[in-house]
N, C-alpha and C. Protein backbone atom coordinates (compact mmCIF):
# COMPACT_ATOMS: atom_id res chain seq x y z
N MET A 1 -153.76 -4.41 17.64
CA MET A 1 -155.05 -3.76 17.61
C MET A 1 -155.83 -4.19 16.37
N LYS A 2 -155.14 -4.25 15.23
CA LYS A 2 -155.82 -4.67 14.00
C LYS A 2 -156.38 -6.08 14.12
N ALA A 3 -155.60 -6.95 14.75
CA ALA A 3 -156.04 -8.34 14.90
C ALA A 3 -157.30 -8.41 15.78
N PHE A 4 -157.31 -7.64 16.84
CA PHE A 4 -158.47 -7.66 17.74
C PHE A 4 -159.69 -7.06 17.05
N LEU A 5 -159.50 -5.98 16.33
CA LEU A 5 -160.62 -5.39 15.59
C LEU A 5 -161.13 -6.37 14.53
N GLY A 6 -160.22 -7.09 13.91
CA GLY A 6 -160.61 -8.09 12.92
C GLY A 6 -161.40 -9.23 13.54
N SER A 7 -160.97 -9.66 14.71
CA SER A 7 -161.67 -10.76 15.37
C SER A 7 -163.08 -10.35 15.82
N GLN A 8 -163.27 -9.07 16.05
CA GLN A 8 -164.58 -8.56 16.44
C GLN A 8 -165.41 -8.10 15.23
N LYS A 9 -164.89 -8.35 14.03
CA LYS A 9 -165.54 -8.01 12.76
C LYS A 9 -165.82 -6.51 12.63
N CYS A 10 -164.84 -5.71 13.07
CA CYS A 10 -164.98 -4.25 13.02
C CYS A 10 -163.93 -3.59 12.13
N ILE A 11 -162.98 -4.35 11.62
CA ILE A 11 -161.86 -3.76 10.90
C ILE A 11 -162.29 -3.04 9.62
N GLU A 12 -163.34 -3.53 8.94
CA GLU A 12 -163.78 -2.88 7.70
C GLU A 12 -164.32 -1.48 7.99
N ILE A 13 -165.06 -1.34 9.08
CA ILE A 13 -165.60 -0.03 9.46
C ILE A 13 -164.46 0.93 9.78
N VAL A 14 -163.43 0.42 10.45
CA VAL A 14 -162.30 1.27 10.83
C VAL A 14 -161.51 1.69 9.60
N GLN A 15 -161.28 0.78 8.67
CA GLN A 15 -160.47 1.09 7.50
C GLN A 15 -161.22 1.89 6.45
N TYR A 16 -162.47 1.56 6.21
CA TYR A 16 -163.20 2.18 5.11
C TYR A 16 -164.31 3.13 5.54
N GLY A 17 -164.73 3.05 6.79
CA GLY A 17 -165.80 3.91 7.27
C GLY A 17 -167.15 3.50 6.70
N TYR A 18 -168.13 4.36 6.88
CA TYR A 18 -169.46 4.15 6.33
C TYR A 18 -170.09 5.50 6.08
N ASN A 19 -171.14 5.52 5.27
CA ASN A 19 -171.80 6.77 4.91
C ASN A 19 -172.88 7.11 5.92
N GLU A 20 -172.65 8.17 6.65
CA GLU A 20 -173.62 8.67 7.61
C GLU A 20 -174.50 9.70 6.91
N PRO A 21 -175.84 9.60 7.05
CA PRO A 21 -176.72 10.61 6.43
C PRO A 21 -176.42 12.02 6.97
N GLU A 22 -176.59 13.01 6.10
CA GLU A 22 -176.27 14.38 6.48
C GLU A 22 -177.19 14.92 7.56
N SER A 23 -178.44 14.49 7.55
CA SER A 23 -179.40 15.02 8.52
C SER A 23 -180.42 13.96 8.88
N LYS A 24 -181.22 14.25 9.88
CA LYS A 24 -182.28 13.34 10.32
C LYS A 24 -183.34 13.18 9.23
N GLU A 25 -183.59 14.25 8.48
CA GLU A 25 -184.59 14.19 7.40
C GLU A 25 -184.16 13.20 6.32
N VAL A 26 -182.88 13.23 5.98
CA VAL A 26 -182.36 12.31 4.96
C VAL A 26 -182.45 10.87 5.49
N GLU A 27 -182.15 10.71 6.76
CA GLU A 27 -182.24 9.37 7.36
C GLU A 27 -183.67 8.85 7.34
N ASP A 28 -184.64 9.72 7.54
CA ASP A 28 -186.04 9.31 7.54
C ASP A 28 -186.52 8.85 6.17
N THR A 29 -185.85 9.29 5.11
CA THR A 29 -186.27 8.91 3.75
C THR A 29 -185.70 7.57 3.30
N LEU A 30 -184.82 6.97 4.11
CA LEU A 30 -184.20 5.70 3.73
C LEU A 30 -185.21 4.56 3.80
N GLN A 31 -184.99 3.56 2.97
CA GLN A 31 -185.80 2.35 3.00
C GLN A 31 -185.49 1.58 4.28
N GLU A 32 -186.35 0.66 4.64
CA GLU A 32 -186.18 -0.09 5.88
C GLU A 32 -184.88 -0.90 5.88
N ALA A 33 -184.55 -1.51 4.75
CA ALA A 33 -183.30 -2.29 4.65
C ALA A 33 -182.08 -1.38 4.83
N GLU A 34 -182.14 -0.19 4.24
CA GLU A 34 -181.04 0.76 4.38
C GLU A 34 -180.90 1.24 5.82
N LYS A 35 -182.02 1.40 6.50
CA LYS A 35 -181.99 1.80 7.91
C LYS A 35 -181.34 0.71 8.76
N GLN A 36 -181.63 -0.54 8.44
CA GLN A 36 -181.03 -1.65 9.19
C GLN A 36 -179.52 -1.72 8.97
N VAL A 37 -179.09 -1.49 7.72
CA VAL A 37 -177.65 -1.47 7.42
C VAL A 37 -176.98 -0.32 8.16
N LEU A 38 -177.62 0.84 8.16
CA LEU A 38 -177.07 2.01 8.86
C LEU A 38 -176.96 1.73 10.36
N LYS A 39 -177.98 1.12 10.91
CA LYS A 39 -177.98 0.79 12.34
C LYS A 39 -176.85 -0.19 12.66
N ALA A 40 -176.66 -1.20 11.81
CA ALA A 40 -175.59 -2.18 12.02
C ALA A 40 -174.22 -1.52 11.91
N ASN A 41 -174.06 -0.61 10.93
CA ASN A 41 -172.79 0.10 10.77
C ASN A 41 -172.49 0.99 11.97
N ARG A 42 -173.50 1.67 12.48
CA ARG A 42 -173.31 2.50 13.67
C ARG A 42 -172.90 1.65 14.87
N LYS A 43 -173.51 0.49 15.00
CA LYS A 43 -173.19 -0.41 16.10
C LYS A 43 -171.75 -0.89 16.00
N LYS A 44 -171.32 -1.28 14.79
CA LYS A 44 -169.94 -1.72 14.58
C LYS A 44 -168.96 -0.58 14.84
N ASP A 45 -169.33 0.63 14.42
CA ASP A 45 -168.47 1.79 14.63
C ASP A 45 -168.30 2.07 16.12
N ASN A 46 -169.38 2.01 16.87
CA ASN A 46 -169.30 2.22 18.31
C ASN A 46 -168.47 1.13 18.99
N LYS A 47 -168.61 -0.09 18.53
CA LYS A 47 -167.84 -1.20 19.07
C LYS A 47 -166.35 -0.99 18.79
N ALA A 48 -166.03 -0.57 17.57
CA ALA A 48 -164.64 -0.32 17.20
C ALA A 48 -164.06 0.84 18.01
N LYS A 49 -164.84 1.90 18.20
CA LYS A 49 -164.35 3.03 19.01
C LYS A 49 -164.05 2.57 20.43
N THR A 50 -164.92 1.75 20.99
CA THR A 50 -164.70 1.24 22.35
C THR A 50 -163.42 0.43 22.43
N ILE A 51 -163.19 -0.42 21.45
CA ILE A 51 -161.97 -1.24 21.43
C ILE A 51 -160.74 -0.36 21.34
N ILE A 52 -160.78 0.64 20.47
CA ILE A 52 -159.63 1.53 20.31
C ILE A 52 -159.40 2.33 21.58
N TYR A 53 -160.47 2.86 22.18
CA TYR A 53 -160.33 3.64 23.41
C TYR A 53 -159.69 2.83 24.53
N GLN A 54 -160.02 1.55 24.61
CA GLN A 54 -159.48 0.71 25.67
C GLN A 54 -157.98 0.50 25.53
N GLY A 55 -157.45 0.65 24.33
CA GLY A 55 -156.03 0.43 24.10
C GLY A 55 -155.18 1.68 24.19
N LEU A 56 -155.76 2.79 24.58
CA LEU A 56 -155.03 4.06 24.60
C LEU A 56 -154.84 4.58 26.02
N ASP A 57 -153.76 5.34 26.21
CA ASP A 57 -153.60 6.02 27.49
C ASP A 57 -154.20 7.43 27.41
N GLU A 58 -154.22 8.13 28.52
CA GLU A 58 -154.90 9.43 28.58
C GLU A 58 -154.30 10.47 27.64
N ALA A 59 -152.99 10.49 27.49
CA ALA A 59 -152.34 11.49 26.64
C ALA A 59 -152.76 11.33 25.18
N ILE A 60 -152.83 10.11 24.71
CA ILE A 60 -153.24 9.86 23.33
C ILE A 60 -154.73 10.07 23.19
N PHE A 61 -155.49 9.72 24.22
CA PHE A 61 -156.94 9.89 24.17
C PHE A 61 -157.31 11.35 23.91
N GLU A 62 -156.56 12.28 24.48
CA GLU A 62 -156.83 13.71 24.27
C GLU A 62 -156.67 14.10 22.80
N ILE A 63 -155.77 13.43 22.10
CA ILE A 63 -155.53 13.74 20.68
C ILE A 63 -156.73 13.33 19.82
N ILE A 64 -157.34 12.20 20.14
CA ILE A 64 -158.39 11.66 19.28
C ILE A 64 -159.79 11.89 19.84
N ALA A 65 -159.90 12.61 20.94
CA ALA A 65 -161.20 12.79 21.59
C ALA A 65 -162.22 13.50 20.71
N SER A 66 -161.79 14.35 19.83
CA SER A 66 -162.72 15.10 18.99
C SER A 66 -163.20 14.31 17.77
N ALA A 67 -162.55 13.20 17.46
CA ALA A 67 -162.95 12.39 16.31
C ALA A 67 -164.28 11.70 16.59
N GLU A 68 -165.15 11.67 15.59
CA GLU A 68 -166.49 11.14 15.79
C GLU A 68 -166.66 9.70 15.31
N THR A 69 -165.83 9.27 14.40
CA THR A 69 -165.97 7.90 13.88
C THR A 69 -164.68 7.12 14.15
N SER A 70 -164.81 5.81 14.11
CA SER A 70 -163.63 4.97 14.33
C SER A 70 -162.61 5.17 13.21
N LYS A 71 -163.08 5.45 12.01
CA LYS A 71 -162.15 5.70 10.89
C LYS A 71 -161.34 6.96 11.14
N ALA A 72 -161.98 8.02 11.64
CA ALA A 72 -161.28 9.26 11.94
C ALA A 72 -160.26 9.05 13.06
N ILE A 73 -160.62 8.26 14.06
CA ILE A 73 -159.70 7.95 15.15
C ILE A 73 -158.50 7.19 14.62
N TRP A 74 -158.75 6.18 13.79
CA TRP A 74 -157.69 5.35 13.22
C TRP A 74 -156.73 6.20 12.39
N GLU A 75 -157.27 7.09 11.58
CA GLU A 75 -156.43 7.95 10.75
C GLU A 75 -155.60 8.90 11.61
N ALA A 76 -156.17 9.42 12.70
CA ALA A 76 -155.43 10.30 13.60
C ALA A 76 -154.28 9.54 14.26
N LEU A 77 -154.54 8.30 14.65
CA LEU A 77 -153.49 7.49 15.27
C LEU A 77 -152.40 7.15 14.26
N GLN A 78 -152.78 6.85 13.03
CA GLN A 78 -151.78 6.56 12.00
C GLN A 78 -150.91 7.78 11.75
N GLN A 79 -151.51 8.95 11.72
CA GLN A 79 -150.76 10.19 11.50
C GLN A 79 -149.81 10.44 12.67
N LYS A 80 -150.27 10.18 13.88
CA LYS A 80 -149.45 10.40 15.07
C LYS A 80 -148.22 9.51 15.08
N TYR A 81 -148.39 8.25 14.71
CA TYR A 81 -147.30 7.29 14.79
C TYR A 81 -146.63 7.01 13.45
N LYS A 82 -146.88 7.86 12.47
CA LYS A 82 -146.34 7.65 11.13
C LYS A 82 -144.82 7.57 11.11
N GLY A 83 -144.13 8.41 11.83
CA GLY A 83 -142.67 8.44 11.81
C GLY A 83 -142.02 7.48 12.77
N ALA A 84 -142.78 6.81 13.61
CA ALA A 84 -142.21 5.94 14.65
C ALA A 84 -141.40 4.80 14.05
N ASP A 85 -141.85 4.19 12.98
CA ASP A 85 -141.12 3.09 12.36
C ASP A 85 -139.79 3.56 11.80
N ARG A 86 -139.80 4.73 11.18
CA ARG A 86 -138.57 5.26 10.60
C ARG A 86 -137.55 5.56 11.70
N ILE A 87 -138.02 6.11 12.80
CA ILE A 87 -137.13 6.41 13.92
C ILE A 87 -136.54 5.13 14.50
N LYS A 88 -137.35 4.10 14.61
CA LYS A 88 -136.85 2.82 15.12
C LYS A 88 -135.77 2.25 14.21
N LYS A 89 -135.97 2.34 12.90
CA LYS A 89 -134.99 1.81 11.95
C LYS A 89 -133.67 2.58 12.05
N ILE A 90 -133.76 3.90 12.17
CA ILE A 90 -132.54 4.72 12.27
C ILE A 90 -131.80 4.39 13.56
N ARG A 91 -132.53 4.26 14.65
CA ARG A 91 -131.91 3.93 15.94
C ARG A 91 -131.26 2.54 15.87
N LEU A 92 -131.92 1.60 15.25
CA LEU A 92 -131.37 0.25 15.12
C LEU A 92 -130.09 0.26 14.28
N GLN A 93 -130.07 1.05 13.20
CA GLN A 93 -128.87 1.14 12.38
C GLN A 93 -127.71 1.73 13.16
N SER A 94 -127.96 2.75 13.96
CA SER A 94 -126.88 3.37 14.73
C SER A 94 -126.36 2.41 15.80
N LEU A 95 -127.26 1.67 16.45
CA LEU A 95 -126.81 0.69 17.45
C LEU A 95 -126.02 -0.44 16.81
N ARG A 96 -126.45 -0.85 15.61
CA ARG A 96 -125.72 -1.90 14.89
C ARG A 96 -124.31 -1.40 14.55
N GLY A 97 -124.19 -0.16 14.13
CA GLY A 97 -122.88 0.41 13.82
C GLY A 97 -121.99 0.49 15.05
N GLU A 98 -122.56 0.90 16.17
CA GLU A 98 -121.79 0.94 17.42
C GLU A 98 -121.32 -0.46 17.81
N PHE A 99 -122.17 -1.44 17.65
CA PHE A 99 -121.82 -2.82 18.00
C PHE A 99 -120.67 -3.31 17.13
N GLU A 100 -120.71 -3.02 15.84
CA GLU A 100 -119.67 -3.47 14.93
C GLU A 100 -118.33 -2.80 15.23
N LEU A 101 -118.36 -1.60 15.80
CA LEU A 101 -117.12 -0.89 16.12
C LEU A 101 -116.51 -1.31 17.46
N LEU A 102 -117.24 -2.09 18.21
CA LEU A 102 -116.72 -2.54 19.51
C LEU A 102 -115.51 -3.44 19.30
N GLN A 103 -114.50 -3.24 20.11
CA GLN A 103 -113.32 -4.08 20.05
C GLN A 103 -112.92 -4.43 21.50
N MET A 104 -112.31 -5.57 21.63
CA MET A 104 -111.85 -5.96 22.94
C MET A 104 -110.66 -5.10 23.31
N LYS A 105 -110.70 -4.58 24.52
CA LYS A 105 -109.59 -3.74 24.99
C LYS A 105 -108.51 -4.62 25.58
N SER A 106 -107.30 -4.08 25.65
CA SER A 106 -106.17 -4.86 26.16
C SER A 106 -106.32 -5.23 27.62
N SER A 107 -107.06 -4.46 28.35
CA SER A 107 -107.24 -4.79 29.77
C SER A 107 -108.39 -5.74 29.91
């Protein structure tokens, strides 16, 4: 997923986010260049959200449905799968131990 987001030039928005104005009034006071940057950031964020949504199944989608930005979605997914690597390592160690204990039987 990171590689695909990177190829679409969206990974920075996902990792670092962007500053969204607090209200419409604050947005109206921005300079034209700042408005263009904000518009580009919103577009990248929507693109990143679409990419992430396409890679999820319905059960996971329910977990992140309330997140409004791609950064919030990414953080929720990281939190959800945080222990998965540790569990894989523990399972691999136990299987390796079982394999080492295997012996050929007399029959």
